[in-house]
Amino acid sequence: MTQRRWVCARQPQIDGRAPERYDRQVDALTRSAERLRRFGAMMQSDTPPVDVVLPELRALFGAAGTPYKLVSGLAVVHHGYPRLTVDIDVLVTRDGAAALDAQLAAHGFSRLSERRLVHDATGVRIDLLREGECLVGPRQSPPLPSPLAVAGSELAPDVVALPVLLELELDAGRRQALTDVLQLLKRLDDGRYTHVEAAVRRERRAELYALREEALEELRWESANES
């Protein structure tokens, strides 16, 4: 069996805390989520306020000392595709989910199940994707990696890096996940795409390339209809 290879990156630290640049970029993701929620609220009044919950969730994980990485919807927003998301998906270590329990009440969260938390004030759900388990979806996916073993984004190290995000979305295989991949690929120039493809697992590269070609075709069609 081929061993999975993940690029590891540590969150930068200055005197035990992230540097100012990291704080600004973290705030940027919260602000992006807030803008999307306000836009969504113009069409429907019950858009979950994930932007309100995100800072509190980060505080919860920090207080519990639990390693994590943000994945799925919020990670997609961070990497450039602005779409609404109704919950927060978090990659955690094998034992990290249980370690949160002592801090839940103090930070305004409750546990709904072994793999799900809820923010008490807003009802926003937090899905815990645990190291070693497999994603639920139409495909047979490999076991999830540890958040300590995958690269974080250069701008916000608690969000998975783009190649990791694309792999996880392809592993999930759900329609929304594949749409996310397509939209993210539309935002990459050729040089950036080549770099990203090289960092993705070999067995996912053919599918990634096919989606890249579809993304380029959509861009050509959009350009032709704008002119």
C-alpha atoms as a PDB file:
ATOM      1  CA  MET A   1       0.000   0.000   0.000  1.00  0.00           C
ATOM      2  CA  THR A   2       1.332   3.408  -0.968  1.00  0.00           C
ATOM      3  CA  GLN A   3       1.896   5.642   2.016  1.00  0.00           C
ATOM      4  CA  ARG A   4       0.258   9.038   1.814  1.00  0.00           C
ATOM      5  CA  ARG A   5       2.605  12.008   1.757  1.00  0.00           C
ATOM      6  CA  TRP A   6       1.565  15.270   3.308  1.00  0.00           C
ATOM      7  CA  VAL A   7       3.549  18.484   3.534  1.00  0.00           C
ATOM      8  CA  CYS A   8       3.892  19.656   7.118  1.00  0.00           C
ATOM      9  CA  ALA A   9       3.853  23.298   8.122  1.00  0.00           C
ATOM     10  CA  ARG A  10       3.903  24.867  11.559  1.00  0.00           C
ATOM     11  CA  GLN A  11       1.998  27.948  12.572  1.00  0.00           C
ATOM     12  CA  PRO A  12       4.511  30.763  13.152  1.00  0.00           C
ATOM     13  CA  GLN A  13       4.839  31.843  16.767  1.00  0.00           C
ATOM     14  CA  ILE A  14       6.163  34.986  18.410  1.00  0.00           C
ATOM     15  CA  ASP A  15       6.362  34.874  22.228  1.00  0.00           C
ATOM     16  CA  GLY A  16       3.824  32.063  22.282  1.00  0.00           C
ATOM     17  CA  ARG A  17       1.310  33.705  19.956  1.00  0.00           C
ATOM     18  CA  ALA A  18       0.841  34.127  16.233  1.00  0.00           C
ATOM     19  CA  PRO A  19       2.412  37.233  14.680  1.00  0.00           C
ATOM     20  CA  GLU A  20       0.345  40.279  13.777  1.00  0.00           C
ATOM     21  CA  ARG A  21       0.189  39.284  10.090  1.00  0.00           C
ATOM     22  CA  TYR A  22      -1.426  35.981  11.059  1.00  0.00           C
ATOM     23  CA  ASP A  23      -3.978  37.780  13.259  1.00  0.00           C
ATOM     24  CA  ARG A  24      -4.911  40.096  10.391  1.00  0.00           C
ATOM     25  CA  GLN A  25      -5.376  37.192   7.990  1.00  0.00           C
ATOM     26  CA  VAL A  26      -7.477  35.259  10.519  1.00  0.00           C
ATOM     27  CA  ASP A  27      -9.667  38.347  10.864  1.00  0.00           C
ATOM     28  CA  ALA A  28      -9.867  38.524   7.069  1.00  0.00           C
ATOM     29  CA  LEU A  29     -11.511  35.085   6.935  1.00  0.00           C
ATOM     30  CA  THR A  30     -14.019  36.117   9.605  1.00  0.00           C
ATOM     31  CA  ARG A  31     -14.805  39.294   7.680  1.00  0.00           C
ATOM     32  CA  SER A  32     -15.247  37.339   4.441  1.00  0.00           C
ATOM     33  CA  ALA A  33     -17.670  34.977   6.160  1.00  0.00           C
ATOM     34  CA  GLU A  34     -19.562  37.951   7.592  1.00  0.00           C
ATOM     35  CA  ARG A  35     -19.910  39.607   4.176  1.00  0.00           C
ATOM     36  CA  LEU A  36     -21.200  36.366   2.673  1.00  0.00           C
ATOM     37  CA  ARG A  37     -23.713  35.933   5.498  1.00  0.00           C
ATOM     38  CA  ARG A  38     -25.007  39.473   5.032  1.00  0.00           C
ATOM     39  CA  PHE A  39     -25.336  38.860   1.306  1.00  0.00           C
ATOM     40  CA  GLY A  40     -27.152  35.576   1.979  1.00  0.00           C
ATOM     41  CA  ALA A  41     -29.463  37.297   4.460  1.00  0.00           C
ATOM     42  CA  MET A  42     -30.800  39.469   1.640  1.00  0.00           C
ATOM     43  CA  MET A  43     -32.181  36.299   0.056  1.00  0.00           C
ATOM     44  CA  GLN A  44     -33.033  34.306   3.183  1.00  0.00           C
ATOM     45  CA  SER A  45     -33.238  35.433   6.785  1.00  0.00           C
ATOM     46  CA  ASP A  46     -31.885  32.312   8.473  1.00  0.00           C
ATOM     47  CA  THR A  47     -28.297  32.253   7.148  1.00  0.00           C
ATOM     48  CA  PRO A  48     -26.218  30.768  10.011  1.00  0.00           C
ATOM     49  CA  PRO A  49     -23.720  33.287  11.450  1.00  0.00           C
ATOM     50  CA  VAL A  50     -20.553  31.228  11.050  1.00  0.00           C
ATOM     51  CA  ASP A  51     -18.534  34.456  11.171  1.00  0.00           C
ATOM     52  CA  VAL A  52     -19.757  35.043  14.735  1.00  0.00           C
ATOM     53  CA  VAL A  53     -18.897  31.496  15.782  1.00  0.00           C
ATOM     54  CA  LEU A  54     -15.464  31.232  14.161  1.00  0.00           C
ATOM     55  CA  PRO A  55     -13.501  33.396  16.667  1.00  0.00           C
ATOM     56  CA  GLU A  56     -15.191  31.595  19.560  1.00  0.00           C
ATOM     57  CA  LEU A  57     -14.385  28.224  18.042  1.00  0.00           C
ATOM     58  CA  ARG A  58     -10.745  29.197  17.652  1.00  0.00           C
ATOM     59  CA  ALA A  59     -10.713  30.268  21.309  1.00  0.00           C
ATOM     60  CA  LEU A  60     -12.190  26.897  22.307  1.00  0.00           C
ATOM     61  CA  PHE A  61      -9.501  24.929  20.502  1.00  0.00           C
ATOM     62  CA  GLY A  62      -6.805  27.189  21.890  1.00  0.00           C
ATOM     63  CA  ALA A  63      -8.020  26.781  25.475  1.00  0.00           C
ATOM     64  CA  ALA A  64      -8.248  23.002  25.075  1.00  0.00           C
ATOM     65  CA  GLY A  65      -4.817  22.787  23.436  1.00  0.00           C
ATOM     66  CA  THR A  66      -6.324  20.738  20.624  1.00  0.00           C
ATOM     67  CA  PRO A  67      -4.549  20.814  17.224  1.00  0.00           C
ATOM     68  CA  TYR A  68      -6.899  21.497  14.323  1.00  0.00           C
ATOM     69  CA  LYS A  69      -7.224  22.744  10.751  1.00  0.00           C
ATOM     70  CA  LEU A  70     -10.267  24.336   9.116  1.00  0.00           C
ATOM     71  CA  VAL A  71     -11.454  22.475   6.020  1.00  0.00           C
ATOM     72  CA  SER A  72     -14.404  22.401   3.601  1.00  0.00           C
ATOM     73  CA  GLY A  73     -16.589  25.528   3.313  1.00  0.00           C
ATOM     74  CA  LEU A  74     -14.584  28.079   5.281  1.00  0.00           C
ATOM     75  CA  ALA A  75     -11.337  26.808   3.760  1.00  0.00           C
ATOM     76  CA  VAL A  76     -12.895  27.194   0.301  1.00  0.00           C
ATOM     77  CA  VAL A  77     -13.818  30.812   1.149  1.00  0.00           C
ATOM     78  CA  HIS A  78     -10.295  31.462   2.436  1.00  0.00           C
ATOM     79  CA  HIS A  79      -8.747  30.183  -0.798  1.00  0.00           C
ATOM     80  CA  GLY A  80     -10.797  32.485  -2.977  1.00  0.00           C
ATOM     81  CA  TYR A  81     -14.215  31.064  -3.806  1.00  0.00           C
ATOM     82  CA  PRO A  82     -16.817  33.158  -1.939  1.00  0.00           C
ATOM     83  CA  ARG A  83     -19.749  30.868  -1.170  1.00  0.00           C
ATOM     84  CA  LEU A  84     -22.137  30.537   1.739  1.00  0.00           C
ATOM     85  CA  THR A  85     -21.582  27.808   4.293  1.00  0.00           C
ATOM     86  CA  VAL A  86     -23.955  26.777   7.055  1.00  0.00           C
ATOM     87  CA  ASP A  87     -21.544  24.921   9.337  1.00  0.00           C
ATOM     88  CA  ILE A  88     -17.858  24.640  10.194  1.00  0.00           C
ATOM     89  CA  ASP A  89     -15.793  21.546   9.425  1.00  0.00           C
ATOM     90  CA  VAL A  90     -12.662  21.003  11.490  1.00  0.00           C
ATOM     91  CA  LEU A  91      -9.937  18.392  11.037  1.00  0.00           C
ATOM     92  CA  VAL A  92      -8.812  17.209  14.503  1.00  0.00           C
ATOM     93  CA  THR A  93      -6.397  14.701  15.956  1.00  0.00           C
ATOM     94  CA  ARG A  94      -7.605  11.249  16.957  1.00  0.00           C
ATOM     95  CA  ASP A  95      -7.953  12.206  20.629  1.00  0.00           C
ATOM     96  CA  GLY A  96      -8.521  15.909  20.131  1.00  0.00           C
ATOM     97  CA  ALA A  97     -12.318  15.793  19.953  1.00  0.00           C
ATOM     98  CA  ALA A  98     -12.652  14.358  23.460  1.00  0.00           C
ATOM     99  CA  ALA A  99     -10.154  16.864  24.863  1.00  0.00           C
ATOM    100  CA  LEU A 100     -12.558  19.695  24.024  1.00  0.00           C
ATOM    101  CA  ASP A 101     -15.208  18.603  26.528  1.00  0.00           C
ATOM    102  CA  ALA A 102     -13.740  20.350  29.562  1.00  0.00           C
ATOM    103  CA  GLN A 103     -13.853  23.706  27.751  1.00  0.00           C
ATOM    104  CA  LEU A 104     -17.168  23.471  25.887  1.00  0.00           C
ATOM    105  CA  ALA A 105     -19.480  25.145  28.398  1.00  0.00           C
ATOM    106  CA  ALA A 106     -17.069  27.982  29.156  1.00  0.00           C
ATOM    107  CA  HIS A 107     -16.903  28.872  25.451  1.00  0.00           C
ATOM    108  CA  GLY A 108     -20.603  28.518  24.670  1.00  0.00           C
ATOM    109  CA  PHE A 109     -20.627  25.133  22.927  1.00  0.00           C
ATOM    110  CA  SER A 110     -22.354  21.809  23.568  1.00  0.00           C
ATOM    111  CA  ARG A 111     -21.733  18.339  22.234  1.00  0.00           C
ATOM    112  CA  LEU A 112     -24.448  16.848  20.028  1.00  0.00           C
ATOM    113  CA  SER A 113     -22.583  13.634  19.258  1.00  0.00           C
ATOM    114  CA  GLU A 114     -19.119  12.135  19.137  1.00  0.00           C
ATOM    115  CA  ARG A 115     -18.405  13.985  15.907  1.00  0.00           C
ATOM    116  CA  ARG A 116     -20.525  17.126  16.203  1.00  0.00           C
ATOM    117  CA  LEU A 117     -20.673  20.226  18.396  1.00  0.00           C
ATOM    118  CA  VAL A 118     -23.181  23.077  18.385  1.00  0.00           C
ATOM    119  CA  HIS A 119     -22.747  26.730  19.255  1.00  0.00           C
ATOM    120  CA  ASP A 120     -25.398  27.319  21.887  1.00  0.00           C
ATOM    121  CA  ALA A 121     -26.269  30.930  21.071  1.00  0.00           C
ATOM    122  CA  THR A 122     -26.561  30.551  17.283  1.00  0.00           C
ATOM    123  CA  GLY A 123     -27.169  26.870  16.586  1.00  0.00           C
ATOM    124  CA  VAL A 124     -24.223  26.713  14.162  1.00  0.00           C
ATOM    125  CA  ARG A 125     -22.942  23.139  13.907  1.00  0.00           C
ATOM    126  CA  ILE A 126     -19.296  22.148  14.055  1.00  0.00           C
ATOM    127  CA  ASP A 127     -18.412  18.842  12.423  1.00  0.00           C
ATOM    128  CA  LEU A 128     -15.267  17.177  13.762  1.00  0.00           C
ATOM    129  CA  LEU A 129     -13.373  15.220  11.117  1.00  0.00           C
ATOM    130  CA  ARG A 130     -11.121  12.934  13.115  1.00  0.00           C
ATOM    131  CA  GLU A 131      -7.713  11.695  12.097  1.00  0.00           C
ATOM    132  CA  GLY A 132      -7.816   8.082  10.877  1.00  0.00           C
ATOM    133  CA  GLU A 133     -11.523   8.051  10.008  1.00  0.00           C
ATOM    134  CA  CYS A 134     -12.932   8.134   6.478  1.00  0.00           C
ATOM    135  CA  LEU A 135     -15.134  10.795   4.955  1.00  0.00           C
ATOM    136  CA  VAL A 136     -18.780   9.931   4.470  1.00  0.00           C
ATOM    137  CA  GLY A 137     -19.698  10.270   0.810  1.00  0.00           C
ATOM    138  CA  PRO A 138     -20.194   8.521  -2.522  1.00  0.00           C
ATOM    139  CA  ARG A 139     -16.546   7.452  -2.712  1.00  0.00           C
ATOM    140  CA  GLN A 140     -14.352   5.175  -0.690  1.00  0.00           C
ATOM    141  CA  SER A 141     -11.916   7.683   0.740  1.00  0.00           C
ATOM    142  CA  PRO A 142      -8.571   7.112   2.457  1.00  0.00           C
ATOM    143  CA  PRO A 143      -8.269   7.750   6.209  1.00  0.00           C
ATOM    144  CA  LEU A 144      -8.135  11.403   7.184  1.00  0.00           C
ATOM    145  CA  PRO A 145      -4.682  12.749   8.073  1.00  0.00           C
ATOM    146  CA  SER A 146      -3.736  14.398  11.331  1.00  0.00           C
ATOM    147  CA  PRO A 147      -3.991  18.201  11.302  1.00  0.00           C
ATOM    148  CA  LEU A 148      -0.405  18.170  12.528  1.00  0.00           C
ATOM    149  CA  ALA A 149       0.716  16.343   9.382  1.00  0.00           C
ATOM    150  CA  VAL A 150      -0.816  18.626   6.738  1.00  0.00           C
ATOM    151  CA  ALA A 151       0.272  22.031   5.525  1.00  0.00           C
ATOM    152  CA  GLY A 152      -1.583  25.131   6.582  1.00  0.00           C
ATOM    153  CA  SER A 153      -2.230  28.129   4.390  1.00  0.00           C
ATOM    154  CA  GLU A 154       0.643  30.599   4.315  1.00  0.00           C
ATOM    155  CA  LEU A 155      -1.742  33.423   5.219  1.00  0.00           C
ATOM    156  CA  ALA A 156      -3.760  31.570   7.879  1.00  0.00           C
ATOM    157  CA  PRO A 157      -1.973  28.487   9.196  1.00  0.00           C
ATOM    158  CA  ASP A 158      -5.090  27.039  10.875  1.00  0.00           C
ATOM    159  CA  VAL A 159      -6.692  26.662   7.431  1.00  0.00           C
ATOM    160  CA  VAL A 160      -5.474  23.766   5.284  1.00  0.00           C
ATOM    161  CA  ALA A 161      -3.261  24.671   2.330  1.00  0.00           C
ATOM    162  CA  LEU A 162      -4.880  24.635  -1.096  1.00  0.00           C
ATOM    163  CA  PRO A 163      -3.421  21.292  -2.307  1.00  0.00           C
ATOM    164  CA  VAL A 164      -4.615  19.600   0.896  1.00  0.00           C
ATOM    165  CA  LEU A 165      -8.070  21.141   0.522  1.00  0.00           C
ATOM    166  CA  LEU A 166      -8.346  19.979  -3.088  1.00  0.00           C
ATOM    167  CA  GLU A 167      -7.350  16.436  -2.097  1.00  0.00           C
ATOM    168  CA  LEU A 168      -9.926  16.308   0.680  1.00  0.00           C
ATOM    169  CA  GLU A 169     -12.662  17.648  -1.602  1.00  0.00           C
ATOM    170  CA  LEU A 170     -11.806  15.109  -4.305  1.00  0.00           C
ATOM    171  CA  ASP A 171     -11.737  12.343  -1.692  1.00  0.00           C
ATOM    172  CA  ALA A 172     -15.217  13.357  -0.539  1.00  0.00           C
ATOM    173  CA  GLY A 173     -16.556  13.273  -4.093  1.00  0.00           C
ATOM    174  CA  ARG A 174     -19.814  15.038  -3.243  1.00  0.00           C
ATOM    175  CA  ARG A 175     -21.337  17.394  -5.805  1.00  0.00           C
ATOM    176  CA  GLN A 176     -20.681  20.490  -3.701  1.00  0.00           C
ATOM    177  CA  ALA A 177     -17.099  19.390  -3.071  1.00  0.00           C
ATOM    178  CA  LEU A 178     -16.413  18.935  -6.798  1.00  0.00           C
ATOM    179  CA  THR A 179     -18.045  22.287  -7.542  1.00  0.00           C
ATOM    180  CA  ASP A 180     -15.732  23.869  -4.987  1.00  0.00           C
ATOM    181  CA  VAL A 181     -12.710  22.301  -6.683  1.00  0.00           C
ATOM    182  CA  LEU A 182     -13.831  23.558 -10.092  1.00  0.00           C
ATOM    183  CA  GLN A 183     -14.359  27.105  -8.823  1.00  0.00           C
ATOM    184  CA  LEU A 184     -11.023  27.178  -6.998  1.00  0.00           C
ATOM    185  CA  LEU A 185      -9.214  25.959 -10.113  1.00  0.00           C
ATOM    186  CA  LYS A 186     -10.725  28.806 -12.143  1.00  0.00           C
ATOM    187  CA  ARG A 187      -8.810  31.202  -9.911  1.00  0.00           C
ATOM    188  CA  LEU A 188      -5.357  29.723 -10.613  1.00  0.00           C
ATOM    189  CA  ASP A 189      -3.037  30.781 -13.399  1.00  0.00           C
ATOM    190  CA  ASP A 190      -1.033  28.078 -15.187  1.00  0.00           C
ATOM    191  CA  GLY A 191       2.048  28.435 -13.003  1.00  0.00           C
ATOM    192  CA  ARG A 192       0.098  28.231  -9.768  1.00  0.00           C
ATOM    193  CA  TYR A 193      -1.916  25.271 -11.050  1.00  0.00           C
ATOM    194  CA  THR A 194       1.250  23.353 -11.968  1.00  0.00           C
ATOM    195  CA  HIS A 195       2.595  23.917  -8.451  1.00  0.00           C
ATOM    196  CA  VAL A 196      -0.674  22.784  -6.853  1.00  0.00           C
ATOM    197  CA  GLU A 197      -1.029  19.701  -9.038  1.00  0.00           C
ATOM    198  CA  ALA A 198       2.489  18.565  -8.114  1.00  0.00           C
ATOM    199  CA  ALA A 199       1.539  18.698  -4.423  1.00  0.00           C
ATOM    200  CA  VAL A 200      -1.606  16.570  -4.864  1.00  0.00           C
ATOM    201  CA  ARG A 201      -1.492  12.780  -4.515  1.00  0.00           C
ATOM    202  CA  ARG A 202      -0.642  11.052  -7.769  1.00  0.00           C
ATOM    203  CA  GLU A 203      -3.881   9.057  -7.900  1.00  0.00           C
ATOM    204  CA  ARG A 204      -5.935  12.285  -7.785  1.00  0.00           C
ATOM    205  CA  ARG A 205      -4.003  14.194 -10.457  1.00  0.00           C
ATOM    206  CA  ALA A 206      -5.923  12.888 -13.481  1.00  0.00           C
ATOM    207  CA  GLU A 207      -9.244  13.941 -11.979  1.00  0.00           C
ATOM    208  CA  LEU A 208      -7.793  17.274 -10.931  1.00  0.00           C
ATOM    209  CA  TYR A 209      -6.499  17.843 -14.470  1.00  0.00           C
ATOM    210  CA  ALA A 210      -9.919  17.011 -15.952  1.00  0.00           C
ATOM    211  CA  LEU A 211     -11.572  19.530 -13.638  1.00  0.00           C
ATOM    212  CA  ARG A 212      -8.907  22.067 -14.552  1.00  0.00           C
ATOM    213  CA  GLU A 213      -9.763  21.627 -18.241  1.00  0.00           C
ATOM    214  CA  GLU A 214     -13.453  22.049 -17.409  1.00  0.00           C
ATOM    215  CA  ALA A 215     -12.631  25.176 -15.410  1.00  0.00           C
ATOM    216  CA  LEU A 216     -10.684  26.667 -18.328  1.00  0.00           C
ATOM    217  CA  GLU A 217     -13.539  25.873 -20.710  1.00  0.00           C
ATOM    218  CA  GLU A 218     -15.975  27.674 -18.423  1.00  0.00           C
ATOM    219  CA  LEU A 219     -13.633  30.680 -18.273  1.00  0.00           C
ATOM    220  CA  ARG A 220     -13.438  30.782 -22.108  1.00  0.00           C
ATOM    221  CA  TRP A 221     -17.238  30.604 -22.326  1.00  0.00           C
ATOM    222  CA  GLU A 222     -17.660  33.356 -19.726  1.00  0.00           C
ATOM    223  CA  SER A 223     -15.152  35.553 -21.540  1.00  0.00           C
ATOM    224  CA  ALA A 224     -16.876  35.038 -24.898  1.00  0.00           C
ATOM    225  CA  ASN A 225     -20.249  35.987 -23.436  1.00  0.00           C
ATOM    226  CA  GLU A 226     -18.883  39.144 -21.831  1.00  0.00           C
ATOM    227  CA  SER A 227     -17.446  40.473 -25.077  1.00  0.00           C
END
